[in-house]
C-alpha atoms as a PDB file:
ATOM      1  CA  MET A   1    -189.961 -28.857  74.592  1.00  0.00           C
ATOM      2  CA  LYS A   2    -186.475 -27.953  75.839  1.00  0.00           C
ATOM      3  CA  LYS A   3    -185.459 -27.026  72.314  1.00  0.00           C
ATOM      4  CA  VAL A   4    -188.374 -24.586  71.947  1.00  0.00           C
ATOM      5  CA  LEU A   5    -187.810 -23.067  75.385  1.00  0.00           C
ATOM      6  CA  ARG A   6    -184.106 -22.660  74.644  1.00  0.00           C
ATOM      7  CA  ALA A   7    -184.867 -20.909  71.322  1.00  0.00           C
ATOM      8  CA  GLN A   8    -187.369 -18.577  73.013  1.00  0.00           C
ATOM      9  CA  LEU A   9    -184.947 -17.660  75.807  1.00  0.00           C
ATOM     10  CA  SER A  10    -182.160 -17.098  73.280  1.00  0.00           C
ATOM     11  CA  PHE A  11    -184.400 -14.809  71.252  1.00  0.00           C
ATOM     12  CA  LEU A  12    -185.408 -12.944  74.442  1.00  0.00           C
ATOM     13  CA  PHE A  13    -181.780 -12.452  75.481  1.00  0.00           C
ATOM     14  CA  ILE A  14    -180.725 -11.257  72.010  1.00  0.00           C
ATOM     15  CA  SER A  15    -183.726  -8.894  71.809  1.00  0.00           C
ATOM     16  CA  ILE A  16    -182.951  -7.367  75.220  1.00  0.00           C
ATOM     17  CA  LEU A  17    -179.302  -6.956  74.282  1.00  0.00           C
ATOM     18  CA  LEU A  18    -180.049  -5.560  70.829  1.00  0.00           C
ATOM     19  CA  PHE A  19    -183.047  -3.300  71.511  1.00  0.00           C
ATOM     20  CA  GLY A  20    -182.485  -2.518  75.182  1.00  0.00           C
ATOM     21  CA  GLY A  21    -178.766  -1.905  74.995  1.00  0.00           C
ATOM     22  CA  LEU A  22    -177.279  -1.504  71.539  1.00  0.00           C
ATOM     23  CA  TYR A  23    -180.150   0.527  70.069  1.00  0.00           C
ATOM     24  CA  THR A  24    -180.272   2.842  73.107  1.00  0.00           C
ATOM     25  CA  VAL A  25    -176.522   3.466  73.065  1.00  0.00           C
ATOM     26  CA  THR A  26    -176.570   4.083  69.290  1.00  0.00           C
ATOM     27  CA  VAL A  27    -179.461   6.567  69.340  1.00  0.00           C
ATOM     28  CA  THR A  28    -178.064   8.389  72.390  1.00  0.00           C
ATOM     29  CA  GLY A  29    -174.627   8.568  70.751  1.00  0.00           C
ATOM     30  CA  ILE A  30    -176.032   9.936  67.479  1.00  0.00           C
ATOM     31  CA  GLY A  31    -178.071  12.498  69.405  1.00  0.00           C
ATOM     32  CA  GLN A  32    -175.050  13.633  71.420  1.00  0.00           C
ATOM     33  CA  LEU A  33    -172.832  13.739  68.345  1.00  0.00           C
ATOM     34  CA  PHE A  34    -175.112  15.583  65.907  1.00  0.00           C
ATOM     35  CA  PHE A  35    -177.646  17.376  68.171  1.00  0.00           C
ATOM     36  CA  PRO A  36    -175.998  17.912  71.584  1.00  0.00           C
ATOM     37  CA  HIS A  37    -178.023  21.006  72.530  1.00  0.00           C
ATOM     38  CA  GLN A  38    -181.371  19.323  71.829  1.00  0.00           C
ATOM     39  CA  ALA A  39    -180.307  15.960  73.254  1.00  0.00           C
ATOM     40  CA  ASN A  40    -179.480  17.649  76.554  1.00  0.00           C
ATOM     41  CA  GLY A  41    -182.853  19.366  76.875  1.00  0.00           C
ATOM     42  CA  SER A  42    -182.203  22.632  74.994  1.00  0.00           C
ATOM     43  CA  GLN A  43    -181.026  24.234  78.217  1.00  0.00           C
ATOM     44  CA  GLU A  44    -180.234  27.928  78.230  1.00  0.00           C
ATOM     45  CA  VAL A  45    -177.139  28.842  80.242  1.00  0.00           C
ATOM     46  CA  VAL A  46    -176.405  32.365  81.470  1.00  0.00           C
ATOM     47  CA  ALA A  47    -173.172  33.079  83.358  1.00  0.00           C
ATOM     48  CA  GLY A  48    -172.548  29.355  83.859  1.00  0.00           C
ATOM     49  CA  LYS A  49    -175.992  28.726  85.364  1.00  0.00           C
ATOM     50  CA  VAL A  50    -178.912  26.903  83.692  1.00  0.00           C
ATOM     51  CA  VAL A  51    -181.843  29.344  83.629  1.00  0.00           C
ATOM     52  CA  GLY A  52    -184.385  27.210  81.771  1.00  0.00           C
ATOM     53  CA  SER A  53    -185.189  25.222  78.662  1.00  0.00           C
ATOM     54  CA  THR A  54    -186.525  26.497  75.352  1.00  0.00           C
ATOM     55  CA  LEU A  55    -188.595  23.309  75.081  1.00  0.00           C
ATOM     56  CA  ILE A  56    -190.490  23.569  78.373  1.00  0.00           C
ATOM     57  CA  GLY A  57    -192.508  26.595  79.472  1.00  0.00           C
ATOM     58  CA  GLN A  58    -191.585  28.208  82.766  1.00  0.00           C
ATOM     59  CA  PRO A  59    -193.774  30.621  84.715  1.00  0.00           C
ATOM     60  CA  PHE A  60    -192.606  34.247  84.899  1.00  0.00           C
ATOM     61  CA  GLN A  61    -194.431  36.199  87.601  1.00  0.00           C
ATOM     62  CA  GLN A  62    -192.501  39.488  87.540  1.00  0.00           C
ATOM     63  CA  ALA A  63    -194.184  42.404  85.754  1.00  0.00           C
ATOM     64  CA  ALA A  64    -190.958  43.216  83.855  1.00  0.00           C
ATOM     65  CA  TYR A  65    -191.088  39.885  81.980  1.00  0.00           C
ATOM     66  CA  PHE A  66    -193.296  38.336  79.334  1.00  0.00           C
ATOM     67  CA  ASN A  67    -195.830  35.881  80.705  1.00  0.00           C
ATOM     68  CA  GLY A  68    -196.439  32.602  78.923  1.00  0.00           C
ATOM     69  CA  ARG A  69    -199.473  30.375  78.862  1.00  0.00           C
ATOM     70  CA  ASP A  70    -200.978  29.114  82.090  1.00  0.00           C
ATOM     71  CA  GLN A  71    -199.177  25.965  83.253  1.00  0.00           C
ATOM     72  CA  GLU A  72    -202.261  24.438  84.874  1.00  0.00           C
ATOM     73  CA  VAL A  73    -203.906  21.722  82.782  1.00  0.00           C
ATOM     74  CA  THR A  74    -207.680  21.393  82.822  1.00  0.00           C
ATOM     75  CA  GLN A  75    -209.850  18.751  81.233  1.00  0.00           C
ATOM     76  CA  LEU A  76    -212.798  21.082  80.759  1.00  0.00           C
ATOM     77  CA  SER A  77    -214.740  21.164  77.532  1.00  0.00           C
ATOM     78  CA  PRO A  78    -214.331  24.399  75.560  1.00  0.00           C
ATOM     79  CA  THR A  79    -218.117  24.767  75.698  1.00  0.00           C
ATOM     80  CA  SER A  80    -218.529  24.160  79.434  1.00  0.00           C
ATOM     81  CA  VAL A  81    -219.849  26.918  81.709  1.00  0.00           C
ATOM     82  CA  GLU A  82    -216.922  26.391  84.085  1.00  0.00           C
ATOM     83  CA  GLN A  83    -214.389  26.898  81.254  1.00  0.00           C
ATOM     84  CA  LYS A  84    -216.203  30.012  80.089  1.00  0.00           C
ATOM     85  CA  LYS A  85    -216.036  31.490  83.615  1.00  0.00           C
ATOM     86  CA  LEU A  86    -212.300  30.674  83.906  1.00  0.00           C
ATOM     87  CA  VAL A  87    -211.576  32.409  80.575  1.00  0.00           C
ATOM     88  CA  GLU A  88    -213.659  35.462  81.547  1.00  0.00           C
ATOM     89  CA  ASP A  89    -211.823  35.774  84.885  1.00  0.00           C
ATOM     90  CA  LYS A  90    -208.418  35.431  83.229  1.00  0.00           C
ATOM     91  CA  THR A  91    -209.405  37.952  80.543  1.00  0.00           C
ATOM     92  CA  ARG A  92    -210.419  40.497  83.170  1.00  0.00           C
ATOM     93  CA  LEU A  93    -207.126  39.986  85.040  1.00  0.00           C
ATOM     94  CA  ALA A  94    -205.069  40.160  81.830  1.00  0.00           C
ATOM     95  CA  GLN A  95    -206.782  43.412  80.839  1.00  0.00           C
ATOM     96  CA  GLN A  96    -205.818  44.928  84.191  1.00  0.00           C
ATOM     97  CA  ASN A  97    -202.189  43.734  83.923  1.00  0.00           C
ATOM     98  CA  ASN A  98    -201.629  44.578  80.264  1.00  0.00           C
ATOM     99  CA  GLN A  99    -203.829  47.687  79.957  1.00  0.00           C
ATOM    100  CA  THR A 100    -205.291  46.484  76.655  1.00  0.00           C
ATOM    101  CA  ILE A 101    -208.842  45.735  75.613  1.00  0.00           C
ATOM    102  CA  GLU A 102    -208.044  42.878  73.201  1.00  0.00           C
ATOM    103  CA  ILE A 103    -206.427  39.943  74.978  1.00  0.00           C
ATOM    104  CA  PRO A 104    -205.136  37.142  72.714  1.00  0.00           C
ATOM    105  CA  ILE A 105    -206.773  33.801  73.423  1.00  0.00           C
ATOM    106  CA  ASP A 106    -203.513  32.035  74.285  1.00  0.00           C
ATOM    107  CA  LEU A 107    -203.031  34.294  77.331  1.00  0.00           C
ATOM    108  CA  VAL A 108    -206.370  33.293  78.853  1.00  0.00           C
ATOM    109  CA  THR A 109    -206.523  29.599  77.972  1.00  0.00           C
ATOM    110  CA  ASN A 110    -204.331  26.853  79.353  1.00  0.00           C
ATOM    111  CA  SER A 111    -201.692  24.972  77.445  1.00  0.00           C
ATOM    112  CA  ALA A 112    -202.852  21.458  76.535  1.00  0.00           C
ATOM    113  CA  SER A 113    -199.757  19.902  78.062  1.00  0.00           C
ATOM    114  CA  GLY A 114    -198.974  22.546  80.652  1.00  0.00           C
ATOM    115  CA  LEU A 115    -195.487  22.810  79.145  1.00  0.00           C
ATOM    116  CA  ASP A 116    -195.987  25.074  76.125  1.00  0.00           C
ATOM    117  CA  PRO A 117    -192.947  27.410  75.865  1.00  0.00           C
ATOM    118  CA  HIS A 118    -194.436  29.642  73.139  1.00  0.00           C
ATOM    119  CA  ILE A 119    -197.023  32.399  72.858  1.00  0.00           C
ATOM    120  CA  SER A 120    -198.385  34.117  69.773  1.00  0.00           C
ATOM    121  CA  VAL A 121    -196.794  37.335  68.563  1.00  0.00           C
ATOM    122  CA  ALA A 122    -200.099  39.065  69.363  1.00  0.00           C
ATOM    123  CA  ALA A 123    -199.870  37.819  72.968  1.00  0.00           C
ATOM    124  CA  ALA A 124    -196.335  39.189  73.245  1.00  0.00           C
ATOM    125  CA  GLU A 125    -197.346  42.505  71.651  1.00  0.00           C
ATOM    126  CA  SER A 126    -200.193  42.890  74.163  1.00  0.00           C
ATOM    127  CA  GLN A 127    -197.609  42.790  76.992  1.00  0.00           C
ATOM    128  CA  ALA A 128    -195.081  45.166  75.388  1.00  0.00           C
ATOM    129  CA  SER A 129    -196.409  48.388  76.945  1.00  0.00           C
ATOM    130  CA  ARG A 130    -196.386  46.959  80.473  1.00  0.00           C
ATOM    131  CA  ILE A 131    -192.852  45.629  80.084  1.00  0.00           C
ATOM    132  CA  ALA A 132    -191.552  48.889  78.587  1.00  0.00           C
ATOM    133  CA  LYS A 133    -193.045  50.827  81.498  1.00  0.00           C
ATOM    134  CA  GLU A 134    -191.630  48.426  84.118  1.00  0.00           C
ATOM    135  CA  ARG A 135    -188.149  48.472  82.576  1.00  0.00           C
ATOM    136  CA  GLY A 136    -188.076  52.170  81.715  1.00  0.00           C
ATOM    137  CA  GLN A 137    -187.493  51.330  78.043  1.00  0.00           C
ATOM    138  CA  ASP A 138    -189.052  52.629  74.855  1.00  0.00           C
ATOM    139  CA  VAL A 139    -191.853  50.339  73.691  1.00  0.00           C
ATOM    140  CA  THR A 140    -190.337  50.245  70.181  1.00  0.00           C
ATOM    141  CA  LYS A 141    -187.274  48.421  71.598  1.00  0.00           C
ATOM    142  CA  ILE A 142    -189.527  45.807  73.186  1.00  0.00           C
ATOM    143  CA  ARG A 143    -191.499  45.377  69.956  1.00  0.00           C
ATOM    144  CA  ALA A 144    -188.241  45.059  67.992  1.00  0.00           C
ATOM    145  CA  ILE A 145    -187.181  42.168  70.246  1.00  0.00           C
ATOM    146  CA  ILE A 146    -190.541  40.488  69.645  1.00  0.00           C
ATOM    147  CA  GLN A 147    -190.147  40.787  65.862  1.00  0.00           C
ATOM    148  CA  GLU A 148    -186.540  39.606  66.015  1.00  0.00           C
ATOM    149  CA  LYS A 149    -187.524  36.468  67.969  1.00  0.00           C
ATOM    150  CA  ALA A 150    -190.716  35.730  65.998  1.00  0.00           C
ATOM    151  CA  GLN A 151    -190.906  32.380  64.225  1.00  0.00           C
ATOM    152  CA  LYS A 152    -193.405  31.213  61.622  1.00  0.00           C
ATOM    153  CA  ASP A 153    -195.302  27.958  61.918  1.00  0.00           C
ATOM    154  CA  TRP A 154    -194.368  25.442  59.209  1.00  0.00           C
ATOM    155  CA  PHE A 155    -197.968  24.528  58.403  1.00  0.00           C
ATOM    156  CA  SER A 156    -199.765  27.883  58.618  1.00  0.00           C
ATOM    157  CA  ASP A 157    -199.116  31.612  58.665  1.00  0.00           C
ATOM    158  CA  ARG A 158    -199.224  31.817  62.467  1.00  0.00           C
ATOM    159  CA  LYS A 159    -196.287  33.541  64.133  1.00  0.00           C
ATOM    160  CA  PHE A 160    -195.099  32.732  67.640  1.00  0.00           C
ATOM    161  CA  VAL A 161    -192.253  33.499  70.043  1.00  0.00           C
ATOM    162  CA  ASN A 162    -190.441  31.560  72.734  1.00  0.00           C
ATOM    163  CA  VAL A 163    -191.115  33.213  76.110  1.00  0.00           C
ATOM    164  CA  LEU A 164    -187.763  32.266  77.655  1.00  0.00           C
ATOM    165  CA  GLU A 165    -185.822  33.632  74.671  1.00  0.00           C
ATOM    166  CA  LEU A 166    -187.817  36.897  74.833  1.00  0.00           C
ATOM    167  CA  ASN A 167    -187.107  37.302  78.531  1.00  0.00           C
ATOM    168  CA  LEU A 168    -183.411  36.563  78.113  1.00  0.00           C
ATOM    169  CA  SER A 169    -183.289  39.199  75.359  1.00  0.00           C
ATOM    170  CA  LEU A 170    -184.943  41.670  77.726  1.00  0.00           C
ATOM    171  CA  ASP A 171    -182.238  41.002  80.318  1.00  0.00           C
ATOM    172  CA  ARG A 172    -179.552  41.731  77.706  1.00  0.00           C
ATOM    173  CA  LEU A 173    -180.985  45.223  76.999  1.00  0.00           C
END
């Protein structure tokens, strides 16, 4: 009995040391060595100050900035009456703010995780006129930034942009 217990405790100790310590230090070291920006949260630094992360969506309330997806997470069914009313209300508000008739679906529905840092190119384009007016810029400059920052999905033809990167580009204008 003592022999079995001793073997089990030895295995437990070695497992904790190996998987809890050595593995963690190795993976963290590799991440820091080869991917330091990503391993540290993909933080964006402006003038020595962290302004956000390209991996986590942040809310932008000012009219002179692009707005991302709603950060609030709901567990409503896409076919529920309550969800339909929420989308209609958000669509009405988005039409007032963006002065467009067609509002892309990602501006009126919530992110599944509440942390989505991207919006579709169409969602960014629908906000371009408002931002150009607020900043006193030509709308073609705003649209050029959108196209410059656009990325293509690996698995489909969908194009999207990172909201933080767009807003930082606006500040550099």
